[in-house]
Amino acid sequence: MCERFTLDTEVDELVEQFRIDKVLSYRKREDMTPVNTVFAIVSKDRERLLDEFRWGLMPFWASDAICADGDSIGEKPVYDRMIRKQRCVIPCSGFFGKSKEAESKAKVREEPCFTKEEGKAFGLAGLYEVWVSPSGEEFRACTMLTYPDRRDSSGNRMPVVLRESDVEKWLDPSFNDKDRVQSLMTPVNLDQFVPQMRKVPVH
């Protein structure tokens, strides 16, 4: 699965590209990792908001849901409400794939980071949940949708990269037919990306 990505795009570029109405929280990060803060775009009250979320749902049926299988999510009732009404776009500058050093015990290793040739950000498909504490405090968390890596028969998975033309539908609350939503989730075409080997810390 995808467990690391980067976001080094200036906020004004994201606002223009994804037509964001309000920025509630944002900072560039070179190393986005699970159970830490990531940034996601959601639609609320007819506005498009950019806010921070914990990467990893904490549902009652699992200890942490970092990623969800896009190819089978429609068959899982626990995700039914989220796939219909609680979709988000996770902006991304590059995501990391599986390297030959994945089992290495080294503290730093090289991994391929897939980026757009022109350096433009793109949107990953996600789902989110918001819990409200008894004191009224909101706790936001999200999960990333993935599909099997078509180049790899070992079960490795890649994030669902939304086509630019589909971001609008993905964030549209009225677009809530589950089959039509799932039709937007397709395996990533890595031919559209440039792999760059980068040294990353092992967590």
N, C-alpha and C. Protein backbone atom coordinates (compact mmCIF):
# COMPACT_ATOMS: atom_id res chain seq x y z
N MET A 1 0.84 -1.19 0.00
CA MET A 1 0.00 0.00 0.00
C MET A 1 0.88 1.25 0.00
N CYS A 2 0.28 2.38 -0.31
CA CYS A 2 1.01 3.64 -0.27
C CYS A 2 1.05 4.14 1.17
N GLU A 3 2.25 4.31 1.71
CA GLU A 3 2.37 4.75 3.09
C GLU A 3 3.23 6.00 3.24
N ARG A 4 3.46 6.69 2.14
CA ARG A 4 4.23 7.92 2.22
C ARG A 4 3.98 8.75 0.96
N PHE A 5 3.80 10.06 1.13
CA PHE A 5 3.71 10.93 -0.04
C PHE A 5 4.21 12.31 0.34
N THR A 6 4.37 13.16 -0.65
CA THR A 6 4.87 14.50 -0.42
C THR A 6 3.84 15.54 -0.86
N LEU A 7 3.95 16.73 -0.29
CA LEU A 7 3.11 17.86 -0.70
C LEU A 7 3.93 19.13 -0.53
N ASP A 8 4.52 19.58 -1.62
CA ASP A 8 5.39 20.76 -1.55
C ASP A 8 4.87 21.89 -2.43
N THR A 9 3.56 21.91 -2.66
CA THR A 9 2.93 22.92 -3.51
C THR A 9 2.54 24.14 -2.68
N GLU A 10 2.73 25.33 -3.23
CA GLU A 10 2.33 26.54 -2.54
C GLU A 10 0.80 26.58 -2.41
N VAL A 11 0.32 27.13 -1.31
CA VAL A 11 -1.10 27.09 -1.04
C VAL A 11 -1.92 27.84 -2.08
N ASP A 12 -1.40 28.94 -2.62
CA ASP A 12 -2.17 29.68 -3.62
C ASP A 12 -2.34 28.87 -4.90
N GLU A 13 -1.37 28.01 -5.20
CA GLU A 13 -1.50 27.14 -6.37
C GLU A 13 -2.59 26.09 -6.15
N LEU A 14 -2.65 25.55 -4.93
CA LEU A 14 -3.70 24.58 -4.62
C LEU A 14 -5.08 25.23 -4.67
N VAL A 15 -5.17 26.44 -4.13
CA VAL A 15 -6.45 27.16 -4.12
C VAL A 15 -6.96 27.34 -5.55
N GLU A 16 -6.07 27.72 -6.44
CA GLU A 16 -6.47 27.93 -7.83
C GLU A 16 -6.79 26.62 -8.54
N GLN A 17 -5.94 25.62 -8.36
CA GLN A 17 -6.12 24.36 -9.07
C GLN A 17 -7.37 23.61 -8.64
N PHE A 18 -7.64 23.58 -7.33
CA PHE A 18 -8.76 22.81 -6.81
C PHE A 18 -9.96 23.69 -6.44
N ARG A 19 -9.89 24.98 -6.77
CA ARG A 19 -10.99 25.91 -6.54
C ARG A 19 -11.45 25.87 -5.10
N ILE A 20 -10.50 26.04 -4.20
CA ILE A 20 -10.76 26.01 -2.75
C ILE A 20 -11.30 27.36 -2.30
N ASP A 21 -12.37 27.33 -1.51
CA ASP A 21 -12.97 28.57 -1.02
C ASP A 21 -12.32 29.06 0.27
N LYS A 22 -11.99 28.12 1.17
CA LYS A 22 -11.39 28.50 2.45
C LYS A 22 -10.24 27.56 2.80
N VAL A 23 -9.14 28.14 3.25
CA VAL A 23 -8.01 27.36 3.76
C VAL A 23 -8.05 27.44 5.28
N LEU A 24 -8.40 26.34 5.91
CA LEU A 24 -8.48 26.31 7.37
C LEU A 24 -7.16 25.89 8.00
N SER A 25 -6.38 25.10 7.26
CA SER A 25 -5.07 24.68 7.75
C SER A 25 -4.26 24.16 6.58
N TYR A 26 -2.98 24.55 6.53
CA TYR A 26 -2.10 24.04 5.47
C TYR A 26 -0.65 24.38 5.76
N ARG A 27 0.22 23.44 5.47
CA ARG A 27 1.66 23.70 5.42
C ARG A 27 2.30 22.64 4.53
N LYS A 28 3.32 23.03 3.83
CA LYS A 28 4.01 22.09 2.94
C LYS A 28 4.75 21.05 3.78
N ARG A 29 4.72 19.81 3.28
CA ARG A 29 5.41 18.74 3.99
C ARG A 29 6.06 17.80 2.98
N GLU A 30 7.32 17.47 3.20
CA GLU A 30 8.03 16.56 2.31
C GLU A 30 7.78 15.10 2.65
N ASP A 31 7.26 14.84 3.85
CA ASP A 31 7.15 13.46 4.30
C ASP A 31 5.83 13.25 5.03
N MET A 32 4.79 12.95 4.27
CA MET A 32 3.48 12.66 4.83
C MET A 32 3.41 11.17 5.14
N THR A 33 3.17 10.81 6.39
CA THR A 33 3.16 9.41 6.79
C THR A 33 1.93 9.10 7.63
N PRO A 34 1.54 7.82 7.71
CA PRO A 34 0.32 7.43 8.42
C PRO A 34 0.31 7.85 9.89
N VAL A 35 -0.90 8.04 10.39
CA VAL A 35 -1.28 8.47 11.73
C VAL A 35 -0.75 9.85 12.10
N ASN A 36 -0.23 10.56 11.10
CA ASN A 36 0.17 11.96 11.28
C ASN A 36 -0.77 12.85 10.47
N THR A 37 -0.56 14.16 10.58
CA THR A 37 -1.42 15.12 9.91
C THR A 37 -1.17 15.15 8.41
N VAL A 38 -2.25 15.08 7.63
CA VAL A 38 -2.21 15.35 6.20
C VAL A 38 -3.28 16.40 5.92
N PHE A 39 -3.35 16.86 4.70
CA PHE A 39 -4.31 17.91 4.35
C PHE A 39 -5.24 17.39 3.27
N ALA A 40 -6.52 17.71 3.41
CA ALA A 40 -7.52 17.19 2.48
C ALA A 40 -8.55 18.26 2.17
N ILE A 41 -9.15 18.12 1.01
CA ILE A 41 -10.17 19.05 0.53
C ILE A 41 -11.53 18.37 0.66
N VAL A 42 -12.48 19.05 1.28
CA VAL A 42 -13.84 18.53 1.44
C VAL A 42 -14.84 19.60 1.04
N SER A 43 -16.06 19.17 0.75
CA SER A 43 -17.16 20.10 0.47
C SER A 43 -18.07 20.15 1.68
N LYS A 44 -18.37 21.37 2.12
CA LYS A 44 -19.25 21.55 3.28
C LYS A 44 -20.03 22.85 3.11
N ASP A 45 -21.34 22.74 3.23
CA ASP A 45 -22.20 23.92 3.11
C ASP A 45 -21.90 24.71 1.84
N ARG A 46 -21.75 23.99 0.75
CA ARG A 46 -21.53 24.58 -0.58
C ARG A 46 -20.20 25.30 -0.71
N GLU A 47 -19.28 25.01 0.18
CA GLU A 47 -17.94 25.57 0.09
C GLU A 47 -16.92 24.44 0.06
N ARG A 48 -15.80 24.72 -0.59
CA ARG A 48 -14.71 23.75 -0.68
C ARG A 48 -13.63 24.18 0.31
N LEU A 49 -13.37 23.30 1.28
CA LEU A 49 -12.46 23.64 2.38
C LEU A 49 -11.20 22.79 2.33
N LEU A 50 -10.07 23.40 2.65
CA LEU A 50 -8.81 22.69 2.83
C LEU A 50 -8.49 22.68 4.31
N ASP A 51 -8.38 21.48 4.89
CA ASP A 51 -8.20 21.38 6.34
C ASP A 51 -7.27 20.22 6.66
N GLU A 52 -6.88 20.10 7.91
CA GLU A 52 -5.98 19.02 8.32
C GLU A 52 -6.78 17.84 8.86
N PHE A 53 -6.27 16.65 8.59
CA PHE A 53 -6.89 15.41 9.02
C PHE A 53 -5.81 14.46 9.51
N ARG A 54 -6.18 13.58 10.39
CA ARG A 54 -5.29 12.49 10.77
C ARG A 54 -5.35 11.44 9.66
N TRP A 55 -4.19 11.00 9.17
CA TRP A 55 -4.18 9.97 8.13
C TRP A 55 -4.34 8.61 8.81
N GLY A 56 -5.55 8.11 8.75
CA GLY A 56 -5.86 6.83 9.35
C GLY A 56 -7.13 6.91 10.17
N LEU A 57 -8.20 6.31 9.63
CA LEU A 57 -9.43 6.24 10.41
C LEU A 57 -9.20 5.34 11.62
N MET A 58 -9.95 5.56 12.66
CA MET A 58 -9.87 4.71 13.84
C MET A 58 -11.24 4.10 14.12
N PRO A 59 -11.70 3.23 13.23
CA PRO A 59 -13.04 2.67 13.37
C PRO A 59 -13.08 1.53 14.39
N PHE A 60 -14.30 1.13 14.74
CA PHE A 60 -14.45 0.06 15.73
C PHE A 60 -14.05 -1.29 15.17
N TRP A 61 -13.99 -1.42 13.81
CA TRP A 61 -13.70 -2.73 13.24
C TRP A 61 -12.22 -2.93 12.92
N ALA A 62 -11.39 -1.94 13.16
CA ALA A 62 -9.96 -2.08 12.85
C ALA A 62 -9.17 -1.12 13.71
N SER A 63 -7.89 -1.45 13.93
CA SER A 63 -7.05 -0.59 14.76
C SER A 63 -6.71 0.71 14.03
N ASP A 64 -6.47 0.64 12.76
CA ASP A 64 -6.19 1.82 11.95
C ASP A 64 -6.50 1.50 10.50
N ALA A 65 -7.23 2.38 9.83
CA ALA A 65 -7.52 2.20 8.40
C ALA A 65 -6.77 3.27 7.64
N ILE A 66 -5.50 2.98 7.33
CA ILE A 66 -4.66 3.93 6.60
C ILE A 66 -5.13 4.04 5.16
N CYS A 67 -5.38 2.87 4.56
CA CYS A 67 -5.84 2.80 3.18
C CYS A 67 -7.06 1.90 3.10
N ALA A 68 -7.89 2.11 2.09
CA ALA A 68 -9.06 1.28 1.85
C ALA A 68 -9.00 0.79 0.40
N ASP A 69 -9.41 -0.44 0.18
CA ASP A 69 -9.33 -1.05 -1.15
C ASP A 69 -10.42 -0.48 -2.06
N GLY A 70 -10.02 0.34 -3.03
CA GLY A 70 -10.98 0.94 -3.93
C GLY A 70 -11.71 -0.06 -4.79
N ASP A 71 -11.08 -1.22 -5.07
CA ASP A 71 -11.69 -2.21 -5.94
C ASP A 71 -12.78 -3.02 -5.24
N SER A 72 -12.84 -2.96 -3.92
CA SER A 72 -13.86 -3.76 -3.21
C SER A 72 -14.64 -2.95 -2.18
N ILE A 73 -14.37 -1.67 -2.08
CA ILE A 73 -14.98 -0.87 -1.02
C ILE A 73 -16.51 -0.82 -1.12
N GLY A 74 -17.03 -0.92 -2.34
CA GLY A 74 -18.46 -0.89 -2.53
C GLY A 74 -19.17 -2.08 -1.91
N GLU A 75 -18.44 -3.13 -1.62
CA GLU A 75 -19.03 -4.33 -1.03
C GLU A 75 -19.01 -4.30 0.50
N LYS A 76 -18.44 -3.26 1.09
CA LYS A 76 -18.27 -3.21 2.53
C LYS A 76 -19.25 -2.19 3.14
N PRO A 77 -20.28 -2.68 3.84
CA PRO A 77 -21.30 -1.77 4.40
C PRO A 77 -20.72 -0.70 5.32
N VAL A 78 -19.60 -0.99 5.98
CA VAL A 78 -19.05 -0.02 6.93
C VAL A 78 -18.61 1.26 6.23
N TYR A 79 -18.33 1.19 4.93
CA TYR A 79 -17.89 2.37 4.19
C TYR A 79 -19.03 3.02 3.41
N ASP A 80 -20.22 2.46 3.49
CA ASP A 80 -21.30 2.90 2.62
C ASP A 80 -21.59 4.39 2.76
N ARG A 81 -21.73 4.87 3.98
CA ARG A 81 -22.05 6.29 4.18
C ARG A 81 -20.93 7.19 3.70
N MET A 82 -19.68 6.80 3.97
CA MET A 82 -18.56 7.64 3.57
C MET A 82 -18.42 7.73 2.05
N ILE A 83 -18.62 6.60 1.37
CA ILE A 83 -18.44 6.63 -0.08
C ILE A 83 -19.54 7.45 -0.76
N ARG A 84 -20.69 7.55 -0.12
CA ARG A 84 -21.78 8.34 -0.69
C ARG A 84 -21.67 9.83 -0.33
N LYS A 85 -21.24 10.13 0.90
CA LYS A 85 -21.37 11.50 1.39
C LYS A 85 -20.11 12.10 1.99
N GLN A 86 -19.07 11.30 2.23
CA GLN A 86 -17.91 11.83 2.93
C GLN A 86 -16.62 11.51 2.16
N ARG A 87 -16.57 12.06 0.96
CA ARG A 87 -15.39 11.88 0.12
C ARG A 87 -14.50 13.11 0.22
N CYS A 88 -13.22 12.90 0.11
CA CYS A 88 -12.28 14.02 0.13
C CYS A 88 -11.22 13.82 -0.94
N VAL A 89 -10.55 14.90 -1.27
CA VAL A 89 -9.41 14.86 -2.19
C VAL A 89 -8.16 15.20 -1.39
N ILE A 90 -7.18 14.33 -1.45
CA ILE A 90 -5.93 14.54 -0.74
C ILE A 90 -4.91 15.08 -1.74
N PRO A 91 -4.57 16.38 -1.68
CA PRO A 91 -3.60 16.92 -2.64
C PRO A 91 -2.22 16.32 -2.40
N CYS A 92 -1.51 16.10 -3.50
CA CYS A 92 -0.26 15.36 -3.44
C CYS A 92 0.68 15.88 -4.52
N SER A 93 1.98 15.96 -4.20
CA SER A 93 3.00 16.33 -5.19
C SER A 93 3.74 15.10 -5.71
N GLY A 94 3.74 14.03 -4.93
CA GLY A 94 4.41 12.81 -5.33
C GLY A 94 4.15 11.71 -4.31
N PHE A 95 3.96 10.49 -4.77
CA PHE A 95 3.74 9.37 -3.85
C PHE A 95 4.84 8.33 -4.07
N PHE A 96 5.15 7.63 -3.01
CA PHE A 96 6.24 6.67 -3.05
C PHE A 96 5.74 5.27 -3.34
N GLY A 97 6.48 4.56 -4.16
CA GLY A 97 6.17 3.19 -4.47
C GLY A 97 7.08 2.24 -3.72
N LYS A 98 6.90 0.97 -3.98
CA LYS A 98 7.68 -0.05 -3.30
C LYS A 98 9.08 -0.12 -3.90
N SER A 99 10.09 -0.18 -3.04
CA SER A 99 11.47 -0.28 -3.51
C SER A 99 12.03 -1.65 -3.21
N LYS A 100 13.15 -1.98 -3.85
CA LYS A 100 13.81 -3.25 -3.60
C LYS A 100 14.40 -3.31 -2.18
N GLU A 101 14.51 -2.13 -1.56
CA GLU A 101 15.07 -2.07 -0.22
C GLU A 101 13.98 -2.07 0.85
N ALA A 102 12.75 -2.43 0.46
CA ALA A 102 11.63 -2.30 1.39
C ALA A 102 11.82 -3.11 2.67
N GLU A 103 12.54 -4.21 2.59
CA GLU A 103 12.74 -5.04 3.78
C GLU A 103 14.05 -4.70 4.49
N SER A 104 14.75 -3.71 4.00
CA SER A 104 16.03 -3.33 4.60
C SER A 104 15.83 -2.78 6.01
N LYS A 105 16.82 -3.01 6.87
CA LYS A 105 16.76 -2.48 8.23
C LYS A 105 17.51 -1.15 8.35
N ALA A 106 17.94 -0.61 7.23
CA ALA A 106 18.65 0.66 7.25
C ALA A 106 17.72 1.78 7.72
N LYS A 107 18.28 2.81 8.33
CA LYS A 107 17.49 3.93 8.84
C LYS A 107 17.07 4.87 7.71
N VAL A 108 17.80 4.83 6.60
CA VAL A 108 17.45 5.63 5.42
C VAL A 108 17.56 4.72 4.21
N ARG A 109 16.58 4.81 3.32
CA ARG A 109 16.65 3.99 2.10
C ARG A 109 16.13 4.81 0.92
N GLU A 110 16.41 4.32 -0.28
CA GLU A 110 15.93 4.99 -1.49
C GLU A 110 14.63 4.35 -1.95
N GLU A 111 13.67 5.21 -2.27
CA GLU A 111 12.39 4.73 -2.78
C GLU A 111 12.00 5.57 -3.99
N PRO A 112 11.27 4.99 -4.96
CA PRO A 112 10.82 5.77 -6.11
C PRO A 112 9.65 6.67 -5.73
N CYS A 113 9.77 7.94 -6.03
CA CYS A 113 8.69 8.90 -5.80
C CYS A 113 8.11 9.29 -7.15
N PHE A 114 6.82 9.04 -7.35
CA PHE A 114 6.18 9.30 -8.63
C PHE A 114 5.57 10.70 -8.64
N THR A 115 6.07 11.53 -9.55
CA THR A 115 5.63 12.92 -9.64
C THR A 115 5.17 13.21 -11.06
N LYS A 116 4.43 14.30 -11.21
CA LYS A 116 4.05 14.77 -12.54
C LYS A 116 5.26 15.46 -13.17
N GLU A 117 5.42 15.27 -14.47
CA GLU A 117 6.59 15.82 -15.15
C GLU A 117 6.69 17.33 -14.99
N GLU A 118 5.55 18.01 -15.02
CA GLU A 118 5.56 19.47 -14.90
C GLU A 118 5.57 19.92 -13.46
N GLY A 119 5.61 18.99 -12.51
CA GLY A 119 5.66 19.35 -11.10
C GLY A 119 4.33 19.76 -10.51
N LYS A 120 3.25 19.55 -11.24
CA LYS A 120 1.93 19.98 -10.79
C LYS A 120 1.37 19.01 -9.76
N ALA A 121 0.64 19.54 -8.78
CA ALA A 121 0.00 18.69 -7.78
C ALA A 121 -1.15 17.92 -8.44
N PHE A 122 -1.58 16.86 -7.79
CA PHE A 122 -2.71 16.07 -8.27
C PHE A 122 -3.49 15.59 -7.05
N GLY A 123 -4.70 15.07 -7.29
CA GLY A 123 -5.58 14.70 -6.19
C GLY A 123 -5.71 13.20 -6.01
N LEU A 124 -5.52 12.74 -4.78
CA LEU A 124 -5.74 11.34 -4.44
C LEU A 124 -7.15 11.18 -3.86
N ALA A 125 -7.80 10.09 -4.20
CA ALA A 125 -9.15 9.84 -3.71
C ALA A 125 -9.11 9.38 -2.26
N GLY A 126 -9.94 10.00 -1.43
CA GLY A 126 -9.99 9.62 -0.03
C GLY A 126 -11.40 9.68 0.52
N LEU A 127 -11.56 9.11 1.71
CA LEU A 127 -12.80 9.19 2.47
C LEU A 127 -12.46 9.75 3.84
N TYR A 128 -13.41 10.41 4.47
CA TYR A 128 -13.10 11.01 5.77
C TYR A 128 -14.24 10.78 6.76
N GLU A 129 -13.90 10.97 8.01
CA GLU A 129 -14.88 10.88 9.09
C GLU A 129 -14.59 12.01 10.08
N VAL A 130 -15.63 12.52 10.71
CA VAL A 130 -15.49 13.55 11.74
C VAL A 130 -16.22 13.08 12.99
N TRP A 131 -15.49 13.04 14.09
CA TRP A 131 -16.10 12.72 15.38
C TRP A 131 -16.15 14.00 16.21
N VAL A 132 -17.18 14.14 17.01
CA VAL A 132 -17.32 15.30 17.88
C VAL A 132 -17.32 14.82 19.33
N SER A 133 -16.43 15.38 20.13
CA SER A 133 -16.32 15.00 21.53
C SER A 133 -17.47 15.60 22.33
N PRO A 134 -17.70 15.12 23.54
CA PRO A 134 -18.76 15.70 24.37
C PRO A 134 -18.59 17.21 24.61
N SER A 135 -17.34 17.68 24.51
CA SER A 135 -17.10 19.12 24.71
C SER A 135 -17.28 19.91 23.42
N GLY A 136 -17.59 19.20 22.32
CA GLY A 136 -17.82 19.88 21.05
C GLY A 136 -16.61 19.98 20.15
N GLU A 137 -15.48 19.39 20.56
CA GLU A 137 -14.27 19.44 19.75
C GLU A 137 -14.34 18.43 18.62
N GLU A 138 -13.97 18.87 17.42
CA GLU A 138 -14.00 17.99 16.26
C GLU A 138 -12.68 17.23 16.12
N PHE A 139 -12.79 15.97 15.75
CA PHE A 139 -11.62 15.15 15.44
C PHE A 139 -11.81 14.60 14.04
N ARG A 140 -10.92 14.98 13.12
CA ARG A 140 -11.05 14.62 11.72
C ARG A 140 -10.00 13.59 11.33
N ALA A 141 -10.41 12.59 10.56
CA ALA A 141 -9.49 11.56 10.09
C ALA A 141 -9.90 11.15 8.68
N CYS A 142 -8.92 10.67 7.92
CA CYS A 142 -9.21 10.26 6.54
C CYS A 142 -8.45 8.99 6.21
N THR A 143 -8.88 8.35 5.13
CA THR A 143 -8.20 7.18 4.61
C THR A 143 -8.02 7.36 3.10
N MET A 144 -6.98 6.75 2.56
CA MET A 144 -6.65 6.86 1.14
C MET A 144 -7.13 5.60 0.41
N LEU A 145 -7.75 5.78 -0.75
CA LEU A 145 -8.20 4.65 -1.54
C LEU A 145 -7.07 4.15 -2.44
N THR A 146 -6.96 2.84 -2.56
CA THR A 146 -5.88 2.24 -3.35
C THR A 146 -6.42 1.17 -4.30
N TYR A 147 -5.60 0.87 -5.30
CA TYR A 147 -5.87 -0.21 -6.26
C TYR A 147 -4.60 -1.03 -6.42
N PRO A 148 -4.72 -2.30 -6.81
CA PRO A 148 -3.51 -3.10 -7.03
C PRO A 148 -2.60 -2.47 -8.08
N ASP A 149 -1.30 -2.56 -7.84
CA ASP A 149 -0.30 -2.09 -8.78
C ASP A 149 -0.28 -3.04 -9.97
N ARG A 150 -0.64 -2.53 -11.14
CA ARG A 150 -0.74 -3.39 -12.33
C ARG A 150 0.61 -3.93 -12.78
N ARG A 151 1.70 -3.33 -12.31
CA ARG A 151 3.03 -3.79 -12.73
C ARG A 151 3.58 -4.87 -11.81
N ASP A 152 2.86 -5.14 -10.72
CA ASP A 152 3.42 -5.95 -9.64
C ASP A 152 2.40 -7.00 -9.21
N SER A 153 2.79 -8.26 -9.26
CA SER A 153 1.88 -9.36 -8.91
C SER A 153 1.98 -9.74 -7.43
N SER A 154 2.76 -9.01 -6.66
CA SER A 154 2.99 -9.38 -5.27
C SER A 154 1.93 -8.84 -4.31
N GLY A 155 0.95 -8.11 -4.83
CA GLY A 155 -0.09 -7.56 -3.98
C GLY A 155 0.15 -6.12 -3.57
N ASN A 156 1.21 -5.49 -4.07
CA ASN A 156 1.47 -4.09 -3.77
C ASN A 156 0.33 -3.23 -4.33
N ARG A 157 0.00 -2.15 -3.62
CA ARG A 157 -1.12 -1.31 -4.03
C ARG A 157 -0.66 0.13 -4.20
N MET A 158 -1.34 0.83 -5.11
CA MET A 158 -1.04 2.22 -5.42
C MET A 158 -2.26 3.08 -5.11
N PRO A 159 -2.06 4.37 -4.82
CA PRO A 159 -3.21 5.24 -4.55
C PRO A 159 -4.05 5.47 -5.80
N VAL A 160 -5.33 5.75 -5.58
CA VAL A 160 -6.22 6.12 -6.68
C VAL A 160 -5.99 7.59 -6.98
N VAL A 161 -5.44 7.89 -8.15
CA VAL A 161 -5.21 9.28 -8.57
C VAL A 161 -6.40 9.70 -9.42
N LEU A 162 -7.13 10.70 -8.96
CA LEU A 162 -8.31 11.16 -9.68
C LEU A 162 -7.93 11.93 -10.93
N ARG A 163 -8.63 11.64 -12.01
CA ARG A 163 -8.47 12.46 -13.20
C ARG A 163 -8.95 13.88 -12.88
N GLU A 164 -8.31 14.87 -13.48
CA GLU A 164 -8.69 16.26 -13.19
C GLU A 164 -10.18 16.49 -13.45
N SER A 165 -10.70 15.84 -14.49
CA SER A 165 -12.11 16.02 -14.84
C SER A 165 -13.05 15.37 -13.83
N ASP A 166 -12.51 14.47 -12.98
CA ASP A 166 -13.35 13.76 -12.01
C ASP A 166 -13.30 14.35 -10.61
N VAL A 167 -12.37 15.28 -10.36
CA VAL A 167 -12.29 15.89 -9.03
C VAL A 167 -13.60 16.57 -8.67
N GLU A 168 -14.20 17.25 -9.64
CA GLU A 168 -15.46 17.97 -9.41
C GLU A 168 -16.54 17.00 -8.94
N LYS A 169 -16.67 15.86 -9.62
CA LYS A 169 -17.68 14.87 -9.24
C LYS A 169 -17.37 14.28 -7.87
N TRP A 170 -16.09 14.00 -7.62
CA TRP A 170 -15.71 13.36 -6.36
C TRP A 170 -16.08 14.23 -5.16
N LEU A 171 -16.01 15.55 -5.33
CA LEU A 171 -16.31 16.47 -4.24
C LEU A 171 -17.76 16.95 -4.25
N ASP A 172 -18.55 16.49 -5.20
CA ASP A 172 -19.94 16.93 -5.32
C ASP A 172 -20.84 16.08 -4.43
N PRO A 173 -21.43 16.65 -3.37
CA PRO A 173 -22.27 15.86 -2.45
C PRO A 173 -23.49 15.25 -3.13
N SER A 174 -23.95 15.85 -4.23
CA SER A 174 -25.13 15.33 -4.92
C SER A 174 -24.79 14.15 -5.82
N PHE A 175 -23.51 13.91 -6.03
CA PHE A 175 -23.06 12.77 -6.83
C PHE A 175 -22.90 11.59 -5.86
N ASN A 176 -24.00 10.90 -5.58
CA ASN A 176 -23.98 9.94 -4.48
C ASN A 176 -24.44 8.54 -4.84
N ASP A 177 -24.55 8.24 -6.13
CA ASP A 177 -24.83 6.86 -6.53
C ASP A 177 -23.55 6.04 -6.37
N LYS A 178 -23.61 5.01 -5.55
CA LYS A 178 -22.39 4.28 -5.18
C LYS A 178 -21.68 3.68 -6.39
N ASP A 179 -22.43 3.14 -7.32
CA ASP A 179 -21.80 2.54 -8.51
C ASP A 179 -21.12 3.60 -9.36
N ARG A 180 -21.75 4.76 -9.50
CA ARG A 180 -21.14 5.84 -10.29
C ARG A 180 -19.91 6.39 -9.59
N VAL A 181 -19.97 6.48 -8.27
CA VAL A 181 -18.80 6.94 -7.52
C VAL A 181 -17.65 5.96 -7.72
N GLN A 182 -17.95 4.68 -7.61
CA GLN A 182 -16.88 3.68 -7.74
C GLN A 182 -16.29 3.67 -9.15
N SER A 183 -17.07 4.09 -10.15
CA SER A 183 -16.54 4.13 -11.51
C SER A 183 -15.43 5.17 -11.67
N LEU A 184 -15.34 6.12 -10.73
CA LEU A 184 -14.28 7.13 -10.79
C LEU A 184 -12.95 6.59 -10.27
N MET A 185 -13.01 5.45 -9.58
CA MET A 185 -11.80 4.88 -8.99
C MET A 185 -11.19 3.88 -9.95
N THR A 186 -10.07 4.23 -10.53
CA THR A 186 -9.40 3.35 -11.49
C THR A 186 -7.93 3.23 -11.12
N PRO A 187 -7.28 2.13 -11.55
CA PRO A 187 -5.85 1.98 -11.26
C PRO A 187 -5.05 3.13 -11.86
N VAL A 188 -4.04 3.58 -11.14
CA VAL A 188 -3.23 4.69 -11.61
C VAL A 188 -2.43 4.29 -12.84
N ASN A 189 -2.33 5.19 -13.79
CA ASN A 189 -1.50 4.98 -14.99
C ASN A 189 -0.14 5.60 -14.73
N LEU A 190 0.83 4.77 -14.38
CA LEU A 190 2.15 5.30 -14.01
C LEU A 190 2.91 5.87 -15.21
N ASP A 191 2.42 5.64 -16.43
CA ASP A 191 3.07 6.24 -17.59
C ASP A 191 2.95 7.76 -17.57
N GLN A 192 2.00 8.27 -16.77
CA GLN A 192 1.80 9.72 -16.68
C GLN A 192 2.67 10.36 -15.60
N PHE A 193 3.51 9.55 -14.96
CA PHE A 193 4.33 10.04 -13.86
C PHE A 193 5.81 9.78 -14.11
N VAL A 194 6.63 10.56 -13.43
CA VAL A 194 8.08 10.43 -13.54
C VAL A 194 8.61 9.89 -12.21
N PRO A 195 9.21 8.69 -12.20
CA PRO A 195 9.77 8.16 -10.94
C PRO A 195 11.12 8.80 -10.63
N GLN A 196 11.27 9.28 -9.44
CA GLN A 196 12.54 9.86 -8.99
C GLN A 196 12.97 9.16 -7.71
N MET A 197 14.16 8.62 -7.70
CA MET A 197 14.64 7.95 -6.49
C MET A 197 15.00 9.00 -5.44
N ARG A 198 14.45 8.84 -4.25
CA ARG A 198 14.70 9.78 -3.16
C ARG A 198 15.05 9.02 -1.89
N LYS A 199 15.93 9.60 -1.11
CA LYS A 199 16.28 9.01 0.17
C LYS A 199 15.24 9.44 1.21
N VAL A 200 14.70 8.45 1.92
CA VAL A 200 13.67 8.75 2.91
C VAL A 200 14.00 8.03 4.22
N PRO A 201 13.63 8.63 5.35
CA PRO A 201 13.86 7.96 6.64
C PRO A 201 12.90 6.80 6.81
N VAL A 202 13.34 5.76 7.47
CA VAL A 202 12.50 4.61 7.76
C VAL A 202 11.89 4.81 9.14
N HIS A 203 10.57 4.80 9.22
CA HIS A 203 9.88 5.05 10.50
C HIS A 203 9.64 3.74 11.22
